[in-house]
Amino acid sequence: MSESPTTILNYINGEWRRPSASEKLAIVNPATGNVLANVPLSTSEEVDRAAQAAAQAYDEWRHVPAPDRIQYLFNLKNLLEENFDDLARLITIENGKTLAEARGELRRAIENVEVACGIPMMMQGGFVENIARGIDEFMIRQPVGVCAIISPFNFPGMIPFWFLPYALACGNTVIIKPSERTPLTMHKILHLIEQAGFAPGVVNLVNGGPETVNAILDHHTVRAISFVGSTPVARHVYSRASANGKRVQAQGGAKNPLIILPDADLETTTQIVTDSVFGNAGQRCLAASLVVTVGEDTRREFVPALTEAASSRVVGYGLDESVQMGPVITPQSKARIEQVIQEGVDEGASILVDGRRARVEGYDAGNFLRPTILDNVPHGGEVFRTEIFGPVMGILHVNTLEEAIQLVNSHNYGNMACLFTSSGAAARKFRNEVEAGNIGINIGVAAPMAFFPFSGWKDSFFGTLHGQAGHAVEFYTQTKIVIERWLKDWSRQF
């Protein structure tokens, strides 16, 4: 008889603890169908233990000098580098993306640690003498308190690091709730955090599902929430947490359009667009899902090239270095994506490449789809509106750049928009007028470096301050204004 899968533990107050919750979910390798472990669905009592531990640790951690706090981040950076290959492999195993994608994700995570190590400069305030005679005024930044990070399945290694290093560097303590679909990466990273020497309670890990999230949103000790996920859930997180008086940054969904002008380079653009749409099997918030050709010549030239590139993409288990696209995360996701494809066909789109009913030899239990292309997608239809979160390219056609910009701005999402062109004037017009937070010019995935904030507009973001860089420092600190006068004869009073 085979042994039952291990149930992973929570990490609270410097100790690995077996949750009291009896309910748990299987963590399944999306390529093989094998159960990797079980994840507990922690109760509100587990959240309370973590929150109380974080609150207690905060009293000491906030007073640790900033230059000393970042020494722990330097330690963590080195540990992440030392365990880089093992972490990348684990991301591929539990998420399904290719090893190259996993390595890229992990590199972005480490870059955020590096940027946060500059907190002694980034956290500085300001000082003005003599706002009135003999009176000075200055601003200082202080930490917020206990902060929570609720992260999604698609980037289990990177997205928590949009927030974690900045929160810690600013003097806050943290509770992390990873996705119940892909919790193993953060479980391993918490072991590295433990090795890095952070005091008990400074970083805590609580596994769970929706009820665990709601317990975090409601807990009176938690002061700030950082979230990434779908728009419906982001809206719920923002409304519930803000109603409880917390500051919130909630990154939602997207429907990222790529606009191709007639002067775009065929070979390079085709490669970039294909990688953008089908990278990570389309399961990323910056995955392009709408391709808009401008002019009949562009349509005639690019549609066959994109079709050929999609048809030749190698699909399989991401641990194989030759594979270019892995599976989607669950059988339910696969079924949902296939349903949206059919709805697009029913609405009148032409299916140029059909990735449904995919089979990868040796991995019959995997959640595989192949790249799919739908041409002449109706404006306002299901494929146009919905964040499919799968390897599906919807193609639309317009006559002018102005029409393309109008089409982009008509959408309720505003995460990313990209333009492919050789014209500087067209590029300037596009970046100036398009209503999206991340803009790419001849770039297919406009993912900001760690020293810029990850922006998002409209229904793609709820809040004011985004993750990464200066926005993260603003979010994880609160300003205090001090106005002071020193009397010349003050010493005579003692």
Protein backbone atom coordinates (compact mmCIF):
# COMPACT_ATOMS: atom_id res chain seq x y z
CA MET A 1 0.00 0.00 0.00
CA SER A 2 1.39 3.42 -0.98
CA GLU A 3 1.81 6.08 1.67
CA SER A 4 -0.70 8.93 1.75
CA PRO A 5 0.64 12.31 0.55
CA THR A 6 2.23 14.60 3.11
CA THR A 7 0.19 17.54 4.39
CA ILE A 8 2.30 20.68 4.34
CA LEU A 9 2.61 22.78 7.48
CA ASN A 10 1.99 26.37 8.44
CA TYR A 11 4.84 28.51 9.74
CA ILE A 12 3.80 30.61 12.72
CA ASN A 13 5.99 32.42 15.26
CA GLY A 14 9.15 30.70 14.06
CA GLU A 15 7.69 27.17 14.27
CA TRP A 16 6.36 24.73 11.69
CA ARG A 17 2.90 23.77 12.89
CA ARG A 18 0.38 21.20 11.80
CA PRO A 19 -2.93 23.03 11.34
CA SER A 20 -5.92 21.95 13.33
CA ALA A 21 -8.09 22.10 10.18
CA SER A 22 -9.29 18.69 9.03
CA GLU A 23 -10.17 19.86 5.52
CA LYS A 24 -7.40 19.76 2.92
CA LEU A 25 -6.88 19.82 -0.84
CA ALA A 26 -4.57 17.79 -3.04
CA ILE A 27 -1.69 19.61 -4.73
CA VAL A 28 -1.55 18.07 -8.19
CA ASN A 29 1.21 18.21 -10.80
CA PRO A 30 -0.73 19.66 -13.78
CA ALA A 31 1.42 17.81 -16.32
CA THR A 32 1.32 14.33 -14.82
CA GLY A 33 -1.77 14.31 -12.61
CA ASN A 34 0.30 13.02 -9.70
CA VAL A 35 -0.59 14.21 -6.20
CA LEU A 36 2.43 16.02 -4.77
CA ALA A 37 1.11 16.74 -1.27
CA ASN A 38 -1.95 18.01 0.54
CA VAL A 39 -2.55 21.60 1.59
CA PRO A 40 -4.61 22.36 4.71
CA LEU A 41 -7.48 24.83 4.57
CA SER A 42 -6.60 26.72 7.71
CA THR A 43 -9.31 28.10 9.96
CA SER A 44 -9.72 31.59 11.40
CA GLU A 45 -8.05 30.29 14.58
CA GLU A 46 -4.85 29.63 12.61
CA VAL A 47 -5.03 33.10 11.11
CA ASP A 48 -5.46 34.56 14.59
CA ARG A 49 -2.38 32.72 15.86
CA ALA A 50 -0.32 34.08 12.97
CA ALA A 51 -1.67 37.61 13.41
CA GLN A 52 -0.96 37.61 17.12
CA ALA A 53 2.56 36.30 16.53
CA ALA A 54 3.18 38.97 13.89
CA ALA A 55 1.83 41.70 16.16
CA GLN A 56 4.08 40.62 18.99
CA ALA A 57 7.13 40.44 16.73
CA TYR A 58 6.33 43.86 15.27
CA ASP A 59 7.00 45.62 18.57
CA GLU A 60 10.66 44.62 18.31
CA TRP A 61 11.16 44.38 14.53
CA ARG A 62 10.02 47.97 13.88
CA HIS A 63 12.84 49.24 16.11
CA VAL A 64 15.57 47.27 14.36
CA PRO A 65 17.57 49.88 12.40
CA ALA A 66 16.95 49.82 8.66
CA PRO A 67 20.61 49.02 7.85
CA ASP A 68 20.33 46.01 10.15
CA ARG A 69 16.96 44.86 8.73
CA ILE A 70 18.34 44.62 5.21
CA GLN A 71 21.15 42.29 6.36
CA TYR A 72 18.51 39.58 6.66
CA LEU A 73 17.41 40.35 3.10
CA PHE A 74 21.01 40.04 1.92
CA ASN A 75 21.09 36.62 3.59
CA LEU A 76 17.81 35.68 1.90
CA LYS A 77 19.07 36.82 -1.52
CA ASN A 78 22.12 34.57 -1.16
CA LEU A 79 19.98 31.61 -0.11
CA LEU A 80 17.64 32.13 -3.06
CA GLU A 81 20.65 32.13 -5.39
CA GLU A 82 22.05 28.98 -3.81
CA ASN A 83 18.71 27.19 -4.16
CA PHE A 84 17.85 28.73 -7.54
CA ASP A 85 17.73 25.52 -9.60
CA ASP A 86 15.77 23.56 -7.00
CA LEU A 87 13.21 26.35 -6.66
CA ALA A 88 12.81 26.71 -10.42
CA ARG A 89 12.27 22.98 -10.77
CA LEU A 90 9.67 23.05 -7.97
CA ILE A 91 7.81 25.91 -9.67
CA THR A 92 7.64 23.85 -12.87
CA ILE A 93 6.48 20.74 -11.04
CA GLU A 94 3.60 22.37 -9.17
CA ASN A 95 2.65 25.07 -11.69
CA GLY A 96 3.37 23.46 -15.07
CA LYS A 97 5.33 26.26 -16.72
CA THR A 98 8.60 25.55 -18.51
CA LEU A 99 11.91 25.60 -16.70
CA ALA A 100 12.95 28.70 -18.65
CA GLU A 101 9.80 30.49 -17.49
CA ALA A 102 10.35 29.33 -13.92
CA ARG A 103 13.91 30.61 -13.95
CA GLY A 104 12.77 33.95 -15.30
CA GLU A 105 10.12 34.20 -12.59
CA LEU A 106 12.59 33.45 -9.84
CA ARG A 107 15.09 35.97 -11.19
CA ARG A 108 12.41 38.68 -10.96
CA ALA A 109 11.74 37.66 -7.35
CA ILE A 110 15.41 38.03 -6.44
CA GLU A 111 15.58 41.43 -8.16
CA ASN A 112 12.89 42.69 -5.79
CA VAL A 113 14.96 41.59 -2.81
CA GLU A 114 17.91 43.48 -4.23
CA VAL A 115 15.89 46.67 -4.71
CA ALA A 116 14.40 46.46 -1.21
CA CYS A 117 17.92 46.36 0.21
CA GLY A 118 18.10 50.04 -0.69
CA ILE A 119 15.48 50.88 1.94
CA PRO A 120 17.78 53.16 4.02
CA MET A 121 17.58 55.59 1.09
CA MET A 122 14.11 54.74 -0.20
CA MET A 123 12.50 55.26 3.20
CA GLN A 124 13.94 58.71 3.82
CA GLY A 125 11.66 61.59 4.73
CA GLY A 126 12.17 65.35 4.40
CA PHE A 127 13.13 68.33 6.56
CA VAL A 128 12.48 72.08 6.28
CA GLU A 129 13.95 74.57 8.75
CA ASN A 130 12.19 77.78 9.79
CA ILE A 131 8.70 77.22 8.47
CA ALA A 132 8.19 80.09 10.90
CA ARG A 133 10.88 81.80 12.94
CA GLY A 134 12.48 79.21 15.21
CA ILE A 135 10.13 76.40 14.10
CA ASP A 136 11.18 73.39 11.99
CA GLU A 137 9.02 70.79 10.30
CA PHE A 138 9.90 67.35 9.01
CA MET A 139 8.36 64.14 7.80
CA ILE A 140 9.40 60.64 8.78
CA ARG A 141 8.23 57.26 7.54
CA GLN A 142 7.24 54.54 9.95
CA PRO A 143 6.01 50.99 9.31
CA VAL A 144 2.31 50.20 9.13
CA GLY A 145 2.24 47.08 11.30
CA VAL A 146 1.10 43.55 10.44
CA CYS A 147 0.73 43.10 6.66
CA ALA A 148 -0.75 40.21 4.70
CA ILE A 149 0.14 38.92 1.22
CA ILE A 150 -2.40 36.82 -0.67
CA SER A 151 -0.79 35.46 -3.82
CA PRO A 152 -2.04 33.55 -6.91
CA PHE A 153 -1.09 30.22 -8.44
CA ASN A 154 0.47 31.43 -11.67
CA PHE A 155 3.67 32.96 -10.22
CA PRO A 156 4.17 31.22 -6.86
CA GLY A 157 7.77 32.39 -6.59
CA MET A 158 7.70 35.90 -8.02
CA ILE A 159 4.49 37.65 -7.00
CA PRO A 160 4.95 37.35 -3.22
CA PHE A 161 8.23 39.17 -3.74
CA TRP A 162 6.49 42.18 -5.28
CA PHE A 163 5.55 42.84 -1.66
CA LEU A 164 7.45 40.77 0.92
CA PRO A 165 10.96 42.31 0.84
CA TYR A 166 9.60 45.87 0.91
CA ALA A 167 7.22 45.16 3.79
CA LEU A 168 10.04 43.63 5.82
CA ALA A 169 12.62 46.27 4.93
CA CYS A 170 10.19 49.00 6.04
CA GLY A 171 9.86 47.37 9.46
CA ASN A 172 6.55 45.53 9.10
CA THR A 173 5.79 41.92 9.97
CA VAL A 174 4.07 39.67 7.46
CA ILE A 175 1.55 36.87 6.99
CA ILE A 176 1.73 35.08 3.62
CA LYS A 177 -1.21 33.10 2.25
CA PRO A 178 -0.02 31.33 -0.93
CA SER A 179 -2.40 29.87 -3.48
CA GLU A 180 -3.77 26.52 -2.36
CA ARG A 181 -3.01 25.24 -5.87
CA THR A 182 0.73 26.01 -5.74
CA PRO A 183 1.86 26.36 -2.11
CA LEU A 184 5.02 24.25 -2.28
CA THR A 185 7.30 26.97 -3.66
CA MET A 186 6.53 29.38 -0.83
CA HIS A 187 6.77 26.50 1.65
CA LYS A 188 10.37 25.96 0.54
CA ILE A 189 11.10 29.70 0.51
CA LEU A 190 9.88 29.96 4.12
CA HIS A 191 12.55 27.43 5.06
CA LEU A 192 15.08 29.77 3.46
CA ILE A 193 13.59 32.74 5.31
CA GLU A 194 14.01 30.75 8.50
CA GLN A 195 17.67 30.11 7.62
CA ALA A 196 18.17 33.81 6.85
CA GLY A 197 17.74 34.54 10.56
CA PHE A 198 14.51 36.54 10.79
CA ALA A 199 13.17 36.58 14.33
CA PRO A 200 10.13 34.42 15.20
CA GLY A 201 6.87 36.01 14.12
CA VAL A 202 8.38 38.43 11.60
CA VAL A 203 7.31 36.21 8.67
CA ASN A 204 4.43 33.74 9.00
CA LEU A 205 2.86 31.32 6.51
CA VAL A 206 -0.79 30.27 6.67
CA ASN A 207 -2.14 27.91 4.03
CA GLY A 208 -5.78 27.81 3.06
CA GLY A 209 -8.60 28.77 0.73
CA PRO A 210 -11.33 31.44 0.56
CA GLU A 211 -12.31 31.18 4.23
CA THR A 212 -8.69 31.67 5.25
CA VAL A 213 -8.56 34.77 3.05
CA ASN A 214 -11.71 36.19 4.60
CA ALA A 215 -10.31 35.60 8.09
CA ILE A 216 -7.24 37.63 7.10
CA LEU A 217 -9.39 40.41 5.63
CA ASP A 218 -11.43 40.61 8.82
CA HIS A 219 -8.68 40.31 11.42
CA HIS A 220 -8.34 43.49 13.43
CA THR A 221 -4.56 43.16 13.80
CA VAL A 222 -3.82 43.06 10.06
CA ARG A 223 -3.31 46.61 8.81
CA ALA A 224 -2.50 46.17 5.09
CA ILE A 225 -3.45 43.68 2.37
CA SER A 226 -1.55 42.94 -0.86
CA PHE A 227 -3.41 40.74 -3.34
CA VAL A 228 -3.06 39.48 -6.91
CA GLY A 229 -5.76 37.42 -8.65
CA SER A 230 -8.86 37.68 -10.79
CA THR A 231 -10.89 40.88 -10.92
CA PRO A 232 -13.98 39.48 -9.13
CA VAL A 233 -11.83 38.30 -6.23
CA ALA A 234 -9.74 41.49 -6.24
CA ARG A 235 -12.93 43.53 -5.96
CA HIS A 236 -14.07 41.36 -3.04
CA VAL A 237 -10.71 41.68 -1.29
CA TYR A 238 -10.62 45.44 -1.80
CA SER A 239 -14.17 46.07 -0.62
CA ARG A 240 -14.07 43.77 2.40
CA ALA A 241 -10.61 44.78 3.61
CA SER A 242 -11.15 48.51 3.10
CA ALA A 243 -14.49 48.27 4.87
CA ASN A 244 -12.48 46.96 7.82
CA GLY A 245 -10.24 50.03 7.71
CA LYS A 246 -7.22 48.41 6.05
CA ARG A 247 -5.09 49.82 3.26
CA VAL A 248 -5.33 47.59 0.18
CA GLN A 249 -3.56 47.00 -3.11
CA ALA A 250 -5.48 44.46 -5.20
CA GLN A 251 -4.23 43.54 -8.66
CA GLY A 252 -7.03 42.10 -10.80
CA GLY A 253 -7.44 40.53 -14.20
CA ALA A 254 -6.53 41.69 -17.67
CA LYS A 255 -7.24 41.48 -21.37
CA ASN A 256 -4.00 42.73 -22.86
CA PRO A 257 -4.11 43.87 -26.51
CA LEU A 258 -1.15 43.91 -28.89
CA ILE A 259 -1.50 46.35 -31.79
CA ILE A 260 0.45 45.64 -35.00
CA LEU A 261 1.01 48.48 -37.47
CA PRO A 262 1.94 47.95 -41.14
CA ASP A 263 5.57 48.99 -40.52
CA ALA A 264 6.21 46.37 -37.82
CA ASP A 265 8.98 43.86 -38.48
CA LEU A 266 7.33 40.56 -39.46
CA GLU A 267 9.78 38.01 -38.07
CA THR A 268 10.57 39.69 -34.76
CA THR A 269 7.00 40.77 -34.07
CA THR A 270 5.62 37.32 -34.82
CA GLN A 271 8.03 35.72 -32.35
CA ILE A 272 7.36 38.31 -29.62
CA VAL A 273 3.58 38.17 -30.04
CA THR A 274 3.52 34.38 -29.99
CA ASP A 275 5.66 34.22 -26.85
CA SER A 276 3.44 36.83 -25.18
CA VAL A 277 0.19 35.01 -25.88
CA PHE A 278 1.31 31.44 -25.23
CA GLY A 279 4.01 31.87 -22.57
CA ASN A 280 3.07 30.18 -19.29
CA ALA A 281 0.14 28.69 -21.25
CA GLY A 282 -1.47 32.15 -21.22
CA GLN A 283 -1.76 32.05 -17.42
CA ARG A 284 -0.25 35.40 -16.51
CA CYS A 285 -1.74 38.79 -15.91
CA LEU A 286 0.45 40.25 -18.68
CA ALA A 287 -0.33 37.55 -21.22
CA ALA A 288 -1.47 39.07 -24.49
CA SER A 289 -4.83 37.68 -25.52
CA LEU A 290 -6.03 40.11 -28.21
CA VAL A 291 -3.99 40.84 -31.34
CA VAL A 292 -5.18 43.79 -33.42
CA THR A 293 -3.85 44.21 -36.96
CA VAL A 294 -4.08 47.69 -38.48
CA GLY A 295 -4.74 47.73 -42.22
CA GLU A 296 -5.42 45.02 -44.76
CA ASP A 297 -1.75 44.53 -45.66
CA THR A 298 -0.88 43.89 -42.01
CA ARG A 299 -3.69 41.38 -41.74
CA ARG A 300 -2.65 39.56 -44.89
CA GLU A 301 0.99 39.38 -43.79
CA PHE A 302 0.73 38.59 -40.09
CA VAL A 303 -2.18 36.19 -39.74
CA PRO A 304 -0.46 33.35 -41.67
CA ALA A 305 2.81 33.98 -39.80
CA LEU A 306 1.10 33.87 -36.39
CA THR A 307 -0.82 30.76 -37.41
CA GLU A 308 2.36 28.96 -38.39
CA ALA A 309 4.17 29.99 -35.20
CA ALA A 310 1.30 28.82 -33.00
CA SER A 311 0.97 25.51 -34.81
CA SER A 312 4.66 24.69 -34.37
CA ARG A 313 4.90 25.49 -30.66
CA VAL A 314 6.17 22.49 -28.67
CA VAL A 315 3.79 21.50 -25.85
CA GLY A 316 4.71 19.12 -23.03
CA TYR A 317 6.07 18.70 -19.53
CA GLY A 318 8.01 21.81 -18.58
CA LEU A 319 10.94 19.86 -17.11
CA ASP A 320 11.87 18.95 -20.69
CA GLU A 321 14.14 21.77 -21.87
CA SER A 322 12.81 21.46 -25.44
CA VAL A 323 9.22 22.22 -24.38
CA GLN A 324 7.91 25.73 -25.11
CA MET A 325 4.53 25.53 -23.36
CA GLY A 326 3.25 23.47 -20.46
CA PRO A 327 -0.25 22.55 -19.23
CA VAL A 328 -2.87 24.74 -17.62
CA ILE A 329 -3.26 24.47 -13.89
CA THR A 330 -6.33 22.20 -13.42
CA PRO A 331 -8.76 20.05 -15.42
CA GLN A 332 -11.44 22.59 -14.54
CA SER A 333 -9.38 25.38 -16.10
CA LYS A 334 -8.89 23.31 -19.23
CA ALA A 335 -12.64 22.66 -19.54
CA ARG A 336 -13.45 26.34 -18.97
CA ILE A 337 -10.96 27.48 -21.63
CA GLU A 338 -12.32 24.99 -24.15
CA GLN A 339 -15.83 26.27 -23.45
CA VAL A 340 -14.79 29.87 -24.12
CA ILE A 341 -13.16 28.80 -27.39
CA GLN A 342 -16.42 27.19 -28.46
CA GLU A 343 -18.39 30.30 -27.47
CA GLY A 344 -16.06 32.34 -29.68
CA VAL A 345 -16.75 30.02 -32.60
CA ASP A 346 -20.48 30.18 -31.93
CA GLU A 347 -20.29 33.98 -31.98
CA GLY A 348 -18.78 33.95 -35.45
CA ALA A 349 -15.02 33.82 -34.98
CA SER A 350 -13.02 31.61 -37.34
CA ILE A 351 -10.81 29.04 -35.65
CA LEU A 352 -7.46 29.00 -37.43
CA VAL A 353 -5.61 26.81 -34.92
CA ASP A 354 -7.60 24.54 -32.61
CA GLY A 355 -5.75 23.51 -29.46
CA ARG A 356 -8.57 21.54 -27.89
CA ARG A 357 -8.42 17.80 -27.34
CA ALA A 358 -4.65 17.99 -27.04
CA ARG A 359 -2.69 14.90 -26.13
CA VAL A 360 0.94 14.75 -25.03
CA GLU A 361 2.47 11.31 -25.30
CA GLY A 362 3.26 9.86 -21.90
CA TYR A 363 1.16 12.44 -20.03
CA ASP A 364 -2.43 11.42 -20.62
CA ALA A 365 -3.45 12.76 -17.20
CA GLY A 366 -2.02 16.21 -17.88
CA ASN A 367 -4.12 19.35 -18.35
CA PHE A 368 -2.79 20.08 -21.80
CA LEU A 369 -4.14 22.44 -24.41
CA ARG A 370 -2.31 23.48 -27.53
CA PRO A 371 -2.14 27.06 -28.82
CA THR A 372 -5.45 28.26 -30.28
CA ILE A 373 -6.10 31.16 -32.65
CA LEU A 374 -9.54 32.67 -33.26
CA ASP A 375 -9.74 35.16 -36.13
CA ASN A 376 -12.33 37.90 -36.64
CA VAL A 377 -13.27 37.93 -32.96
CA PRO A 378 -16.45 40.00 -32.51
CA HIS A 379 -15.90 43.26 -30.65
CA GLY A 380 -17.81 42.90 -27.40
CA GLY A 381 -18.14 39.12 -27.66
CA GLU A 382 -17.11 36.55 -25.06
CA VAL A 383 -13.54 36.13 -26.32
CA PHE A 384 -13.11 39.91 -26.45
CA ARG A 385 -14.51 40.51 -22.95
CA THR A 386 -13.29 37.55 -20.91
CA GLU A 387 -9.91 37.02 -19.33
CA ILE A 388 -9.48 33.49 -20.65
CA PHE A 389 -6.22 32.80 -18.77
CA GLY A 390 -5.24 30.17 -21.29
CA PRO A 391 -3.33 29.77 -24.57
CA VAL A 392 -5.88 31.49 -26.78
CA MET A 393 -5.15 34.31 -29.24
CA GLY A 394 -8.08 36.37 -30.45
CA ILE A 395 -7.41 38.42 -33.59
CA LEU A 396 -9.30 41.57 -34.55
CA HIS A 397 -8.81 43.92 -37.50
CA VAL A 398 -9.10 47.69 -37.78
CA ASN A 399 -8.13 50.26 -40.37
CA THR A 400 -6.29 52.94 -38.39
CA LEU A 401 -4.24 53.46 -35.26
CA GLU A 402 -7.00 55.73 -33.94
CA GLU A 403 -9.51 52.87 -34.24
CA ALA A 404 -7.09 50.55 -32.45
CA ILE A 405 -6.65 52.98 -29.56
CA GLN A 406 -10.41 53.42 -29.33
CA LEU A 407 -10.84 49.64 -29.22
CA VAL A 408 -8.25 49.29 -26.46
CA ASN A 409 -9.83 52.05 -24.39
CA SER A 410 -13.32 50.58 -24.76
CA HIS A 411 -12.34 47.62 -22.58
CA ASN A 412 -12.96 47.58 -18.84
CA TYR A 413 -9.48 46.15 -18.21
CA GLY A 414 -6.36 48.31 -18.32
CA ASN A 415 -3.38 46.25 -17.26
CA MET A 416 -1.17 46.29 -20.38
CA ALA A 417 -1.25 47.36 -24.02
CA CYS A 418 1.55 47.03 -26.57
CA LEU A 419 2.29 48.51 -29.98
CA PHE A 420 4.53 47.12 -32.71
CA THR A 421 5.81 49.75 -35.10
CA SER A 422 8.86 51.48 -36.58
CA SER A 423 7.27 54.91 -36.12
CA GLY A 424 8.29 57.04 -33.16
CA ALA A 425 5.31 59.33 -33.71
CA ALA A 426 2.87 56.40 -33.61
CA ALA A 427 4.55 55.04 -30.50
CA ARG A 428 4.31 58.38 -28.73
CA LYS A 429 0.63 58.78 -29.63
CA PHE A 430 -0.08 55.27 -28.40
CA ARG A 431 1.65 55.57 -25.04
CA ASN A 432 0.07 58.96 -24.48
CA GLU A 433 -3.53 58.04 -25.29
CA VAL A 434 -3.95 54.38 -24.33
CA GLU A 435 -5.70 53.72 -21.00
CA ALA A 436 -3.48 51.04 -19.49
CA GLY A 437 -0.94 51.01 -16.70
CA ASN A 438 1.86 49.06 -18.41
CA ILE A 439 2.77 50.02 -21.99
CA GLY A 440 5.03 48.10 -24.36
CA ILE A 441 6.56 49.43 -27.57
CA ASN A 442 7.85 46.50 -29.62
CA ILE A 443 7.64 44.55 -26.34
CA GLY A 444 5.15 41.72 -25.85
CA VAL A 445 5.22 41.47 -22.06
CA ALA A 446 5.64 44.92 -20.52
CA ALA A 447 6.57 43.64 -17.08
CA PRO A 448 8.20 46.45 -15.05
CA MET A 449 11.60 45.87 -13.52
CA ALA A 450 11.74 45.73 -9.74
CA PHE A 451 12.71 49.41 -9.51
CA PHE A 452 9.43 50.47 -11.17
CA PRO A 453 5.90 49.82 -9.82
CA PHE A 454 3.72 47.18 -11.45
CA SER A 455 0.93 49.41 -12.67
CA GLY A 456 -2.64 48.61 -13.63
CA TRP A 457 -5.68 50.72 -14.46
CA LYS A 458 -9.47 50.40 -14.45
CA ASP A 459 -10.76 46.94 -13.46
CA SER A 460 -7.21 45.58 -13.46
CA PHE A 461 -6.37 47.26 -10.16
CA PHE A 462 -8.13 48.36 -6.98
CA GLY A 463 -6.23 50.76 -4.79
CA THR A 464 -3.79 53.61 -5.22
CA LEU A 465 -0.27 52.27 -4.71
CA HIS A 466 1.01 49.27 -6.66
CA GLY A 467 3.57 46.60 -5.87
CA GLN A 468 7.34 47.00 -6.24
CA ALA A 469 9.75 49.90 -5.88
CA GLY A 470 8.70 53.31 -4.57
CA HIS A 471 5.00 52.46 -4.57
CA ALA A 472 5.69 49.52 -2.24
CA VAL A 473 7.63 51.75 0.14
CA GLU A 474 4.75 54.25 0.15
CA PHE A 475 2.25 51.46 0.76
CA TYR A 476 4.15 49.81 3.60
CA THR A 477 4.90 53.02 5.48
CA GLN A 478 2.80 55.74 7.04
CA THR A 479 4.04 59.31 7.21
CA LYS A 480 4.38 61.27 10.41
CA ILE A 481 4.79 65.04 10.39
CA VAL A 482 6.69 66.63 13.25
CA ILE A 483 6.60 70.39 13.88
CA GLU A 484 8.92 71.48 16.65
CA ARG A 485 10.13 74.62 18.43
CA TRP A 486 13.02 74.73 20.88
CA LEU A 487 12.84 77.62 23.34
CA LYS A 488 16.10 79.43 23.93
CA ASP A 489 15.68 79.35 27.73
CA TRP A 490 14.36 75.75 27.82
CA SER A 491 17.26 74.60 30.01
CA ARG A 492 16.31 77.08 32.78
CA GLN A 493 13.16 75.08 33.48
CA PHE A 494 15.17 72.16 34.88
